[in-house]
Amino acid sequence: SASPKLRSAAIDICRSDVVGSPRKFNYPGLGAASPTTLRYINVAADLEEHFGSLDRFRVVEIGVGYGGQCLVVCGLHNPQDYALVDLQPVLALTRRFLNETSPSAPVSFHGANEIPELHTDLLISNYAFSELRREIQDIYMTRLVDNARRGYMTFNHITPKSFRSISVKEFADRVGGKILPERPNSYPGNKIVVWGVKPR
């Protein structure tokens, strides 16, 4: 269950969701909203549940889409900074989107072929990491995942066997994380791994 602050901010985010003219649908108690934005808000609610406030967090996201998750997180919290890692054409789109929406935190952009070693408070990946070849995943693990104090990663299972991608169990064992169901489930078999969660 989301906090009152998150629910209020989510309504504001949906009402201001106009960049790129996203397709919207009417939802009871909310009004017109983009389903993609609602998914990002759902992830933000999960982050709040598992980690509490993200204020002053150093955040890194692997696979960034158009920057919507970054904008939502920055709209609900005050992270210290937010690093985005993806292919250069994707980052070009993300730069344009974030230039028009002005997230509250400083944002840095890192191409997938030149990943720096980042030490962060929180790592986020919505599906992207699980879709990579193992040799690329290994680079992400040593430079980003192993250096993240906390993490939230959604796994799907769509890669061909030739990719030898890291399984959700193998990944959870490495980071000392917990495997959870994806709710709502966007595809059969999807799972979420969280680690470094706040004490209950």
N, C-alpha and C. Protein backbone atom coordinates (compact mmCIF):
# COMPACT_ATOMS: atom_id res chain seq x y z
N SER A 1 0.84 -1.19 0.00
CA SER A 1 0.00 0.00 0.00
C SER A 1 0.88 1.24 0.00
N ALA A 2 0.63 2.15 -0.92
CA ALA A 2 1.45 3.34 -1.07
C ALA A 2 1.10 4.36 0.01
N SER A 3 2.06 5.17 0.36
CA SER A 3 1.84 6.22 1.34
C SER A 3 0.97 7.32 0.75
N PRO A 4 0.32 8.13 1.61
CA PRO A 4 -0.48 9.25 1.08
C PRO A 4 0.35 10.20 0.21
N LYS A 5 1.63 10.41 0.61
CA LYS A 5 2.50 11.27 -0.18
C LYS A 5 2.69 10.70 -1.58
N LEU A 6 2.92 9.38 -1.66
CA LEU A 6 3.13 8.77 -2.96
C LEU A 6 1.87 8.84 -3.80
N ARG A 7 0.70 8.57 -3.19
CA ARG A 7 -0.55 8.62 -3.95
C ARG A 7 -0.81 10.01 -4.49
N SER A 8 -0.56 11.04 -3.67
CA SER A 8 -0.79 12.41 -4.12
C SER A 8 0.17 12.79 -5.24
N ALA A 9 1.44 12.43 -5.05
CA ALA A 9 2.44 12.75 -6.08
C ALA A 9 2.17 11.99 -7.37
N ALA A 10 1.68 10.75 -7.25
CA ALA A 10 1.37 9.96 -8.44
C ALA A 10 0.31 10.64 -9.28
N ILE A 11 -0.71 11.19 -8.63
CA ILE A 11 -1.77 11.89 -9.36
C ILE A 11 -1.18 13.10 -10.08
N ASP A 12 -0.30 13.84 -9.41
CA ASP A 12 0.32 14.99 -10.05
C ASP A 12 1.18 14.57 -11.24
N ILE A 13 1.93 13.46 -11.09
CA ILE A 13 2.77 12.99 -12.18
C ILE A 13 1.93 12.59 -13.38
N CYS A 14 0.83 11.89 -13.15
CA CYS A 14 -0.03 11.47 -14.25
C CYS A 14 -0.66 12.67 -14.96
N ARG A 15 -1.04 13.68 -14.20
CA ARG A 15 -1.65 14.86 -14.80
C ARG A 15 -0.65 15.64 -15.65
N SER A 16 0.62 15.55 -15.31
CA SER A 16 1.64 16.30 -16.06
C SER A 16 2.30 15.43 -17.12
N ASP A 17 1.78 14.23 -17.35
CA ASP A 17 2.39 13.29 -18.30
C ASP A 17 1.96 13.66 -19.71
N VAL A 18 2.64 14.64 -20.30
CA VAL A 18 2.23 15.14 -21.62
C VAL A 18 3.36 15.08 -22.63
N VAL A 19 4.61 14.96 -22.19
CA VAL A 19 5.73 14.96 -23.13
C VAL A 19 5.66 13.71 -23.99
N GLY A 20 5.72 13.89 -25.30
CA GLY A 20 5.65 12.76 -26.22
C GLY A 20 4.24 12.33 -26.56
N SER A 21 3.25 13.02 -26.04
CA SER A 21 1.83 12.72 -26.30
C SER A 21 1.52 11.24 -26.08
N PRO A 22 1.77 10.72 -24.87
CA PRO A 22 1.50 9.30 -24.62
C PRO A 22 0.01 9.00 -24.70
N ARG A 23 -0.30 7.78 -25.09
CA ARG A 23 -1.70 7.35 -25.12
C ARG A 23 -2.17 7.17 -23.68
N LYS A 24 -3.33 7.72 -23.35
CA LYS A 24 -3.84 7.66 -21.98
C LYS A 24 -5.20 6.99 -21.93
N PHE A 25 -5.49 6.46 -20.76
CA PHE A 25 -6.78 5.83 -20.50
C PHE A 25 -7.32 6.38 -19.20
N ASN A 26 -8.62 6.35 -19.04
CA ASN A 26 -9.24 6.87 -17.82
C ASN A 26 -9.28 5.78 -16.75
N TYR A 27 -8.84 6.14 -15.54
CA TYR A 27 -8.83 5.23 -14.41
C TYR A 27 -9.64 5.86 -13.28
N PRO A 28 -10.51 5.07 -12.63
CA PRO A 28 -11.34 5.61 -11.54
C PRO A 28 -10.49 6.21 -10.43
N GLY A 29 -10.85 7.42 -10.01
CA GLY A 29 -10.15 8.10 -8.94
C GLY A 29 -8.85 8.74 -9.35
N LEU A 30 -8.47 8.58 -10.60
CA LEU A 30 -7.20 9.12 -11.07
C LEU A 30 -7.38 10.01 -12.29
N GLY A 31 -8.25 9.59 -13.19
CA GLY A 31 -8.42 10.33 -14.42
C GLY A 31 -7.57 9.73 -15.53
N ALA A 32 -7.23 10.55 -16.51
CA ALA A 32 -6.47 10.08 -17.65
C ALA A 32 -5.01 9.86 -17.27
N ALA A 33 -4.47 8.72 -17.65
CA ALA A 33 -3.08 8.41 -17.32
C ALA A 33 -2.50 7.43 -18.33
N SER A 34 -1.20 7.50 -18.51
CA SER A 34 -0.48 6.56 -19.37
C SER A 34 -0.22 5.28 -18.59
N PRO A 35 -0.55 4.11 -19.14
CA PRO A 35 -0.26 2.85 -18.44
C PRO A 35 1.23 2.67 -18.11
N THR A 36 2.09 3.17 -18.99
CA THR A 36 3.53 3.06 -18.72
C THR A 36 3.91 3.86 -17.50
N THR A 37 3.38 5.06 -17.37
CA THR A 37 3.66 5.87 -16.19
C THR A 37 3.14 5.19 -14.93
N LEU A 38 1.97 4.57 -15.02
CA LEU A 38 1.42 3.86 -13.86
C LEU A 38 2.32 2.70 -13.46
N ARG A 39 2.93 2.03 -14.44
CA ARG A 39 3.86 0.94 -14.10
C ARG A 39 5.07 1.49 -13.37
N TYR A 40 5.59 2.62 -13.82
CA TYR A 40 6.73 3.24 -13.13
C TYR A 40 6.35 3.66 -11.71
N ILE A 41 5.13 4.14 -11.54
CA ILE A 41 4.67 4.51 -10.20
C ILE A 41 4.53 3.27 -9.32
N ASN A 42 4.09 2.16 -9.92
CA ASN A 42 3.99 0.91 -9.16
C ASN A 42 5.36 0.46 -8.68
N VAL A 43 6.37 0.58 -9.54
CA VAL A 43 7.74 0.26 -9.13
C VAL A 43 8.18 1.19 -8.00
N ALA A 44 7.85 2.47 -8.12
CA ALA A 44 8.21 3.42 -7.07
C ALA A 44 7.57 3.06 -5.75
N ALA A 45 6.32 2.57 -5.79
CA ALA A 45 5.66 2.13 -4.57
C ALA A 45 6.37 0.93 -3.96
N ASP A 46 6.82 0.01 -4.81
CA ASP A 46 7.60 -1.13 -4.34
C ASP A 46 8.90 -0.65 -3.69
N LEU A 47 9.57 0.29 -4.32
CA LEU A 47 10.83 0.80 -3.78
C LEU A 47 10.61 1.41 -2.39
N GLU A 48 9.53 2.16 -2.25
CA GLU A 48 9.22 2.77 -0.95
C GLU A 48 8.94 1.70 0.10
N GLU A 49 8.23 0.65 -0.31
CA GLU A 49 7.90 -0.42 0.62
C GLU A 49 9.16 -1.14 1.10
N HIS A 50 10.08 -1.41 0.19
CA HIS A 50 11.26 -2.20 0.54
C HIS A 50 12.39 -1.38 1.16
N PHE A 51 12.51 -0.11 0.76
CA PHE A 51 13.69 0.66 1.16
C PHE A 51 13.37 1.94 1.92
N GLY A 52 12.10 2.31 2.02
CA GLY A 52 11.75 3.56 2.67
C GLY A 52 12.06 4.75 1.77
N SER A 53 12.36 5.88 2.37
CA SER A 53 12.67 7.09 1.60
C SER A 53 13.96 6.91 0.82
N LEU A 54 13.97 7.42 -0.41
CA LEU A 54 15.17 7.38 -1.24
C LEU A 54 15.91 8.72 -1.23
N ASP A 55 15.54 9.59 -0.30
CA ASP A 55 16.22 10.89 -0.20
C ASP A 55 17.71 10.69 0.05
N ARG A 56 18.52 11.42 -0.70
CA ARG A 56 19.99 11.40 -0.61
C ARG A 56 20.60 10.11 -1.13
N PHE A 57 19.82 9.24 -1.73
CA PHE A 57 20.35 8.01 -2.31
C PHE A 57 21.10 8.34 -3.60
N ARG A 58 22.17 7.60 -3.85
CA ARG A 58 22.82 7.57 -5.16
C ARG A 58 22.21 6.39 -5.89
N VAL A 59 21.54 6.65 -7.00
CA VAL A 59 20.76 5.64 -7.72
C VAL A 59 21.38 5.37 -9.08
N VAL A 60 21.37 4.11 -9.50
CA VAL A 60 21.75 3.75 -10.87
C VAL A 60 20.65 2.87 -11.44
N GLU A 61 20.32 3.12 -12.70
CA GLU A 61 19.30 2.32 -13.39
C GLU A 61 19.90 1.72 -14.64
N ILE A 62 19.71 0.41 -14.81
CA ILE A 62 20.17 -0.31 -16.00
C ILE A 62 18.98 -0.53 -16.92
N GLY A 63 19.09 -0.02 -18.15
CA GLY A 63 17.97 -0.12 -19.08
C GLY A 63 16.93 0.92 -18.72
N VAL A 64 16.93 2.06 -19.41
CA VAL A 64 16.22 3.23 -18.88
C VAL A 64 15.00 3.64 -19.69
N GLY A 65 14.70 2.93 -20.78
CA GLY A 65 13.55 3.31 -21.58
C GLY A 65 13.69 4.74 -22.08
N TYR A 66 12.70 5.57 -21.78
CA TYR A 66 12.78 6.98 -22.16
C TYR A 66 13.08 7.88 -20.96
N GLY A 67 13.31 7.28 -19.78
CA GLY A 67 13.61 8.07 -18.59
C GLY A 67 12.45 8.22 -17.63
N GLY A 68 11.36 7.51 -17.90
CA GLY A 68 10.16 7.66 -17.07
C GLY A 68 10.36 7.23 -15.63
N GLN A 69 11.10 6.13 -15.39
CA GLN A 69 11.31 5.69 -14.02
C GLN A 69 12.13 6.70 -13.24
N CYS A 70 13.14 7.24 -13.90
CA CYS A 70 13.96 8.28 -13.27
C CYS A 70 13.10 9.48 -12.87
N LEU A 71 12.25 9.93 -13.78
CA LEU A 71 11.41 11.09 -13.50
C LEU A 71 10.47 10.82 -12.34
N VAL A 72 9.87 9.63 -12.29
CA VAL A 72 8.94 9.30 -11.22
C VAL A 72 9.67 9.24 -9.88
N VAL A 73 10.81 8.56 -9.83
CA VAL A 73 11.57 8.47 -8.57
C VAL A 73 11.96 9.86 -8.09
N CYS A 74 12.42 10.71 -9.00
CA CYS A 74 12.82 12.06 -8.62
C CYS A 74 11.63 12.93 -8.25
N GLY A 75 10.44 12.57 -8.74
CA GLY A 75 9.25 13.31 -8.38
C GLY A 75 8.71 12.95 -7.01
N LEU A 76 9.09 11.76 -6.53
CA LEU A 76 8.60 11.29 -5.23
C LEU A 76 9.63 11.42 -4.12
N HIS A 77 10.91 11.50 -4.48
CA HIS A 77 11.99 11.55 -3.49
C HIS A 77 13.02 12.60 -3.94
N ASN A 78 14.05 12.73 -3.15
CA ASN A 78 15.13 13.67 -3.48
C ASN A 78 16.47 12.93 -3.48
N PRO A 79 16.71 12.07 -4.50
CA PRO A 79 17.98 11.37 -4.53
C PRO A 79 19.16 12.32 -4.72
N GLN A 80 20.30 11.89 -4.26
CA GLN A 80 21.50 12.73 -4.41
C GLN A 80 21.90 12.84 -5.87
N ASP A 81 21.85 11.72 -6.58
CA ASP A 81 22.08 11.74 -8.02
C ASP A 81 21.51 10.46 -8.62
N TYR A 82 21.41 10.44 -9.94
CA TYR A 82 20.75 9.34 -10.64
C TYR A 82 21.54 9.05 -11.91
N ALA A 83 22.13 7.84 -11.99
CA ALA A 83 22.92 7.45 -13.16
C ALA A 83 22.09 6.53 -14.06
N LEU A 84 22.13 6.79 -15.35
CA LEU A 84 21.38 6.01 -16.33
C LEU A 84 22.35 5.28 -17.24
N VAL A 85 22.13 3.97 -17.42
CA VAL A 85 23.02 3.14 -18.24
C VAL A 85 22.20 2.44 -19.31
N ASP A 86 22.56 2.67 -20.58
CA ASP A 86 21.83 2.04 -21.68
C ASP A 86 22.62 2.26 -22.97
N LEU A 87 22.07 1.82 -24.08
CA LEU A 87 22.67 2.05 -25.38
C LEU A 87 22.57 3.54 -25.73
N GLN A 88 23.52 4.01 -26.52
CA GLN A 88 23.56 5.45 -26.82
C GLN A 88 22.30 5.98 -27.49
N PRO A 89 21.68 5.26 -28.46
CA PRO A 89 20.45 5.79 -29.05
C PRO A 89 19.33 5.93 -28.01
N VAL A 90 19.27 5.01 -27.06
CA VAL A 90 18.26 5.11 -26.00
C VAL A 90 18.55 6.32 -25.13
N LEU A 91 19.82 6.51 -24.80
CA LEU A 91 20.19 7.65 -23.95
C LEU A 91 19.88 8.98 -24.63
N ALA A 92 19.99 9.01 -25.96
CA ALA A 92 19.67 10.25 -26.68
C ALA A 92 18.20 10.61 -26.49
N LEU A 93 17.32 9.60 -26.58
CA LEU A 93 15.89 9.83 -26.34
C LEU A 93 15.67 10.26 -24.89
N THR A 94 16.35 9.58 -23.97
CA THR A 94 16.17 9.89 -22.55
C THR A 94 16.62 11.30 -22.23
N ARG A 95 17.73 11.73 -22.80
CA ARG A 95 18.20 13.11 -22.60
C ARG A 95 17.13 14.10 -23.01
N ARG A 96 16.54 13.86 -24.18
CA ARG A 96 15.52 14.80 -24.68
C ARG A 96 14.33 14.85 -23.74
N PHE A 97 13.86 13.66 -23.30
CA PHE A 97 12.72 13.61 -22.41
C PHE A 97 13.01 14.31 -21.09
N LEU A 98 14.16 14.01 -20.49
CA LEU A 98 14.49 14.59 -19.18
C LEU A 98 14.82 16.07 -19.29
N ASN A 99 15.34 16.51 -20.43
CA ASN A 99 15.56 17.95 -20.62
C ASN A 99 14.25 18.72 -20.58
N GLU A 100 13.18 18.08 -21.05
CA GLU A 100 11.88 18.75 -21.07
C GLU A 100 11.11 18.62 -19.76
N THR A 101 11.48 17.62 -18.95
CA THR A 101 10.73 17.37 -17.72
C THR A 101 11.49 17.78 -16.45
N SER A 102 12.78 17.98 -16.55
CA SER A 102 13.61 18.53 -15.46
C SER A 102 13.47 17.77 -14.14
N PRO A 103 14.03 16.55 -14.04
CA PRO A 103 14.01 15.83 -12.76
C PRO A 103 14.78 16.60 -11.70
N SER A 104 14.42 16.36 -10.44
CA SER A 104 14.98 17.14 -9.34
C SER A 104 16.44 16.83 -9.04
N ALA A 105 16.92 15.65 -9.41
CA ALA A 105 18.29 15.24 -9.07
C ALA A 105 19.22 15.40 -10.27
N PRO A 106 20.51 15.60 -10.04
CA PRO A 106 21.47 15.57 -11.14
C PRO A 106 21.48 14.19 -11.80
N VAL A 107 21.44 14.15 -13.12
CA VAL A 107 21.38 12.90 -13.88
C VAL A 107 22.64 12.77 -14.73
N SER A 108 23.24 11.57 -14.72
CA SER A 108 24.39 11.28 -15.58
C SER A 108 24.03 10.15 -16.53
N PHE A 109 24.65 10.15 -17.71
CA PHE A 109 24.34 9.20 -18.76
C PHE A 109 25.58 8.38 -19.09
N HIS A 110 25.44 7.05 -19.14
CA HIS A 110 26.58 6.17 -19.35
C HIS A 110 26.23 5.13 -20.41
N GLY A 111 27.00 5.12 -21.50
CA GLY A 111 26.76 4.16 -22.56
C GLY A 111 27.08 2.74 -22.12
N ALA A 112 26.35 1.78 -22.66
CA ALA A 112 26.51 0.38 -22.26
C ALA A 112 27.88 -0.17 -22.62
N ASN A 113 28.57 0.45 -23.55
CA ASN A 113 29.89 -0.03 -23.95
C ASN A 113 31.02 0.61 -23.15
N GLU A 114 30.68 1.51 -22.24
CA GLU A 114 31.71 2.20 -21.45
C GLU A 114 31.22 2.39 -20.01
N ILE A 115 30.83 1.28 -19.41
CA ILE A 115 30.23 1.33 -18.08
C ILE A 115 31.30 1.65 -17.04
N PRO A 116 31.10 2.70 -16.27
CA PRO A 116 32.05 3.00 -15.20
C PRO A 116 31.80 2.12 -13.98
N GLU A 117 32.71 2.12 -13.05
CA GLU A 117 32.49 1.43 -11.79
C GLU A 117 31.83 2.41 -10.84
N LEU A 118 30.55 2.17 -10.54
CA LEU A 118 29.78 3.09 -9.71
C LEU A 118 29.43 2.43 -8.38
N HIS A 119 29.59 3.16 -7.30
CA HIS A 119 29.19 2.70 -5.97
C HIS A 119 27.93 3.47 -5.59
N THR A 120 26.82 2.74 -5.42
CA THR A 120 25.53 3.40 -5.26
C THR A 120 24.76 2.83 -4.07
N ASP A 121 23.73 3.57 -3.69
CA ASP A 121 22.84 3.13 -2.61
C ASP A 121 21.72 2.23 -3.13
N LEU A 122 21.38 2.37 -4.42
CA LEU A 122 20.26 1.62 -4.98
C LEU A 122 20.47 1.40 -6.46
N LEU A 123 20.30 0.14 -6.88
CA LEU A 123 20.31 -0.21 -8.30
C LEU A 123 18.92 -0.66 -8.71
N ILE A 124 18.45 -0.16 -9.85
CA ILE A 124 17.14 -0.51 -10.39
C ILE A 124 17.33 -1.06 -11.80
N SER A 125 16.61 -2.13 -12.12
CA SER A 125 16.54 -2.57 -13.51
C SER A 125 15.19 -3.23 -13.75
N ASN A 126 14.43 -2.68 -14.67
CA ASN A 126 13.14 -3.24 -15.04
C ASN A 126 13.33 -4.07 -16.32
N TYR A 127 13.59 -5.36 -16.15
CA TYR A 127 13.72 -6.34 -17.23
C TYR A 127 15.06 -6.31 -17.98
N ALA A 128 15.69 -5.16 -18.13
CA ALA A 128 16.82 -5.03 -19.05
C ALA A 128 17.98 -5.97 -18.74
N PHE A 129 18.41 -6.02 -17.47
CA PHE A 129 19.56 -6.85 -17.12
C PHE A 129 19.33 -8.31 -17.49
N SER A 130 18.12 -8.81 -17.25
CA SER A 130 17.84 -10.23 -17.50
C SER A 130 17.82 -10.57 -18.98
N GLU A 131 17.80 -9.57 -19.85
CA GLU A 131 17.73 -9.82 -21.29
C GLU A 131 19.11 -9.79 -21.96
N LEU A 132 20.16 -9.63 -21.17
CA LEU A 132 21.51 -9.52 -21.71
C LEU A 132 22.20 -10.88 -21.79
N ARG A 133 23.21 -10.97 -22.67
CA ARG A 133 24.08 -12.13 -22.70
C ARG A 133 24.90 -12.20 -21.42
N ARG A 134 25.27 -13.42 -21.01
CA ARG A 134 25.99 -13.58 -19.75
C ARG A 134 27.29 -12.79 -19.72
N GLU A 135 28.03 -12.76 -20.81
CA GLU A 135 29.31 -12.04 -20.78
C GLU A 135 29.12 -10.54 -20.53
N ILE A 136 27.99 -10.01 -20.99
CA ILE A 136 27.69 -8.60 -20.72
C ILE A 136 27.17 -8.45 -19.29
N GLN A 137 26.34 -9.40 -18.86
CA GLN A 137 25.86 -9.37 -17.48
C GLN A 137 27.03 -9.39 -16.49
N ASP A 138 28.06 -10.16 -16.81
CA ASP A 138 29.22 -10.25 -15.91
C ASP A 138 29.87 -8.89 -15.71
N ILE A 139 29.92 -8.08 -16.78
CA ILE A 139 30.50 -6.73 -16.67
C ILE A 139 29.62 -5.86 -15.78
N TYR A 140 28.31 -5.93 -15.99
CA TYR A 140 27.38 -5.16 -15.15
C TYR A 140 27.49 -5.60 -13.69
N MET A 141 27.66 -6.89 -13.47
CA MET A 141 27.76 -7.39 -12.10
C MET A 141 28.96 -6.78 -11.38
N THR A 142 30.13 -6.84 -11.99
CA THR A 142 31.34 -6.39 -11.31
C THR A 142 31.42 -4.87 -11.18
N ARG A 143 30.85 -4.15 -12.15
CA ARG A 143 30.98 -2.69 -12.13
C ARG A 143 29.81 -1.96 -11.46
N LEU A 144 28.65 -2.61 -11.43
CA LEU A 144 27.48 -1.93 -10.90
C LEU A 144 26.78 -2.71 -9.79
N VAL A 145 26.38 -3.94 -10.08
CA VAL A 145 25.54 -4.70 -9.14
C VAL A 145 26.28 -4.97 -7.84
N ASP A 146 27.51 -5.47 -7.93
CA ASP A 146 28.27 -5.80 -6.72
C ASP A 146 28.57 -4.58 -5.86
N ASN A 147 28.46 -3.39 -6.44
CA ASN A 147 28.77 -2.15 -5.71
C ASN A 147 27.51 -1.42 -5.24
N ALA A 148 26.35 -2.05 -5.39
CA ALA A 148 25.09 -1.42 -4.97
C ALA A 148 24.67 -1.97 -3.61
N ARG A 149 24.44 -1.09 -2.66
CA ARG A 149 24.05 -1.51 -1.31
C ARG A 149 22.65 -2.13 -1.29
N ARG A 150 21.80 -1.69 -2.21
CA ARG A 150 20.43 -2.18 -2.29
C ARG A 150 20.08 -2.36 -3.76
N GLY A 151 19.06 -3.15 -4.01
CA GLY A 151 18.67 -3.30 -5.40
C GLY A 151 17.26 -3.82 -5.58
N TYR A 152 16.74 -3.52 -6.76
CA TYR A 152 15.40 -3.94 -7.16
C TYR A 152 15.49 -4.29 -8.64
N MET A 153 15.35 -5.57 -8.96
CA MET A 153 15.52 -5.99 -10.34
C MET A 153 14.40 -6.93 -10.75
N THR A 154 13.71 -6.58 -11.84
CA THR A 154 12.67 -7.42 -12.40
C THR A 154 13.27 -8.31 -13.47
N PHE A 155 13.06 -9.61 -13.33
CA PHE A 155 13.58 -10.61 -14.26
C PHE A 155 12.46 -11.13 -15.15
N ASN A 156 12.73 -11.18 -16.46
CA ASN A 156 11.90 -11.98 -17.35
C ASN A 156 12.78 -13.11 -17.90
N HIS A 157 12.20 -13.96 -18.72
CA HIS A 157 12.92 -15.14 -19.20
C HIS A 157 12.68 -15.31 -20.69
N ILE A 158 13.09 -14.30 -21.46
CA ILE A 158 12.80 -14.32 -22.90
C ILE A 158 14.04 -14.51 -23.75
N THR A 159 15.22 -14.56 -23.14
CA THR A 159 16.44 -14.70 -23.93
C THR A 159 16.62 -16.13 -24.42
N PRO A 160 17.24 -16.30 -25.60
CA PRO A 160 17.50 -17.67 -26.09
C PRO A 160 18.55 -18.36 -25.22
N LYS A 161 18.54 -19.68 -25.24
CA LYS A 161 19.48 -20.43 -24.42
C LYS A 161 20.93 -20.09 -24.73
N SER A 162 21.19 -19.71 -25.98
CA SER A 162 22.57 -19.39 -26.37
C SER A 162 23.13 -18.19 -25.61
N PHE A 163 22.26 -17.36 -25.03
CA PHE A 163 22.72 -16.21 -24.24
C PHE A 163 23.31 -16.65 -22.90
N ARG A 164 22.92 -17.83 -22.41
CA ARG A 164 23.38 -18.35 -21.12
C ARG A 164 23.16 -17.32 -20.00
N SER A 165 22.05 -16.61 -20.06
CA SER A 165 21.79 -15.53 -19.11
C SER A 165 21.70 -16.06 -17.68
N ILE A 166 22.10 -15.21 -16.74
CA ILE A 166 22.06 -15.56 -15.32
C ILE A 166 20.61 -15.81 -14.91
N SER A 167 20.36 -16.92 -14.24
CA SER A 167 19.00 -17.22 -13.78
C SER A 167 18.66 -16.35 -12.58
N VAL A 168 17.37 -16.24 -12.31
CA VAL A 168 16.93 -15.41 -11.19
C VAL A 168 17.46 -15.97 -9.88
N LYS A 169 17.52 -17.31 -9.73
CA LYS A 169 18.04 -17.89 -8.50
C LYS A 169 19.53 -17.65 -8.35
N GLU A 170 20.27 -17.82 -9.44
CA GLU A 170 21.70 -17.57 -9.40
C GLU A 170 21.99 -16.12 -9.02
N PHE A 171 21.22 -15.22 -9.58
CA PHE A 171 21.42 -13.81 -9.27
C PHE A 171 21.09 -13.51 -7.81
N ALA A 172 19.95 -14.01 -7.34
CA ALA A 172 19.54 -13.76 -5.95
C ALA A 172 20.56 -14.32 -4.98
N ASP A 173 21.12 -15.50 -5.27
CA ASP A 173 22.13 -16.09 -4.39
C ASP A 173 23.38 -15.21 -4.34
N ARG A 174 23.76 -14.63 -5.47
CA ARG A 174 24.98 -13.82 -5.51
C ARG A 174 24.83 -12.54 -4.70
N VAL A 175 23.67 -11.89 -4.79
CA VAL A 175 23.49 -10.61 -4.10
C VAL A 175 22.91 -10.78 -2.70
N GLY A 176 22.57 -12.02 -2.33
CA GLY A 176 21.94 -12.23 -1.03
C GLY A 176 20.54 -11.67 -1.00
N GLY A 177 19.84 -11.80 -2.12
CA GLY A 177 18.52 -11.19 -2.26
C GLY A 177 17.38 -12.16 -2.09
N LYS A 178 16.19 -11.62 -2.12
CA LYS A 178 14.96 -12.37 -1.98
C LYS A 178 14.19 -12.34 -3.29
N ILE A 179 13.65 -13.49 -3.71
CA ILE A 179 12.88 -13.58 -4.94
C ILE A 179 11.40 -13.39 -4.62
N LEU A 180 10.78 -12.46 -5.31
CA LEU A 180 9.37 -12.14 -5.08
C LEU A 180 8.58 -12.25 -6.38
N PRO A 181 7.28 -12.48 -6.31
CA PRO A 181 6.47 -12.45 -7.54
C PRO A 181 6.34 -11.01 -8.04
N GLU A 182 6.20 -10.86 -9.34
CA GLU A 182 5.93 -9.54 -9.91
C GLU A 182 4.43 -9.28 -9.80
N ARG A 183 4.08 -8.15 -9.18
CA ARG A 183 2.67 -7.79 -9.01
C ARG A 183 2.45 -6.34 -9.46
N PRO A 184 1.53 -6.10 -10.39
CA PRO A 184 0.82 -7.11 -11.18
C PRO A 184 1.78 -7.80 -12.14
N ASN A 185 1.48 -9.05 -12.47
CA ASN A 185 2.36 -9.85 -13.31
C ASN A 185 2.19 -9.46 -14.77
N SER A 186 3.26 -8.95 -15.38
CA SER A 186 3.18 -8.50 -16.77
C SER A 186 3.44 -9.62 -17.77
N TYR A 187 4.03 -10.74 -17.29
CA TYR A 187 4.28 -11.88 -18.17
C TYR A 187 4.51 -13.10 -17.30
N PRO A 188 3.98 -14.27 -17.69
CA PRO A 188 4.15 -15.46 -16.85
C PRO A 188 5.62 -15.76 -16.55
N GLY A 189 5.91 -16.03 -15.29
CA GLY A 189 7.27 -16.39 -14.89
C GLY A 189 8.13 -15.23 -14.45
N ASN A 190 7.68 -14.00 -14.66
CA ASN A 190 8.48 -12.85 -14.22
C ASN A 190 8.63 -12.84 -12.70
N LYS A 191 9.82 -12.46 -12.24
CA LYS A 191 10.11 -12.38 -10.82
C LYS A 191 10.85 -11.08 -10.51
N ILE A 192 10.82 -10.70 -9.24
CA ILE A 192 11.56 -9.53 -8.77
C ILE A 192 12.55 -9.99 -7.71
N VAL A 193 13.78 -9.49 -7.80
CA VAL A 193 14.79 -9.75 -6.76
C VAL A 193 15.07 -8.44 -6.05
N VAL A 194 14.98 -8.45 -4.72
CA VAL A 194 15.33 -7.28 -3.92
C VAL A 194 16.42 -7.67 -2.94
N TRP A 195 17.31 -6.74 -2.66
CA TRP A 195 18.33 -6.97 -1.63
C TRP A 195 18.61 -5.67 -0.89
N GLY A 196 19.13 -5.83 0.33
CA GLY A 196 19.40 -4.64 1.15
C GLY A 196 18.16 -3.97 1.65
N VAL A 197 17.07 -4.72 1.86
CA VAL A 197 15.80 -4.11 2.26
C VAL A 197 15.87 -3.60 3.70
N LYS A 198 15.00 -2.64 4.02
CA LYS A 198 14.97 -2.06 5.35
C LYS A 198 14.44 -3.09 6.34
N PRO A 199 14.85 -3.04 7.61
CA PRO A 199 14.32 -3.96 8.60
C PRO A 199 12.83 -3.78 8.79
N ARG A 200 12.12 -4.89 9.04
CA ARG A 200 10.67 -4.82 9.26
C ARG A 200 10.39 -4.47 10.71
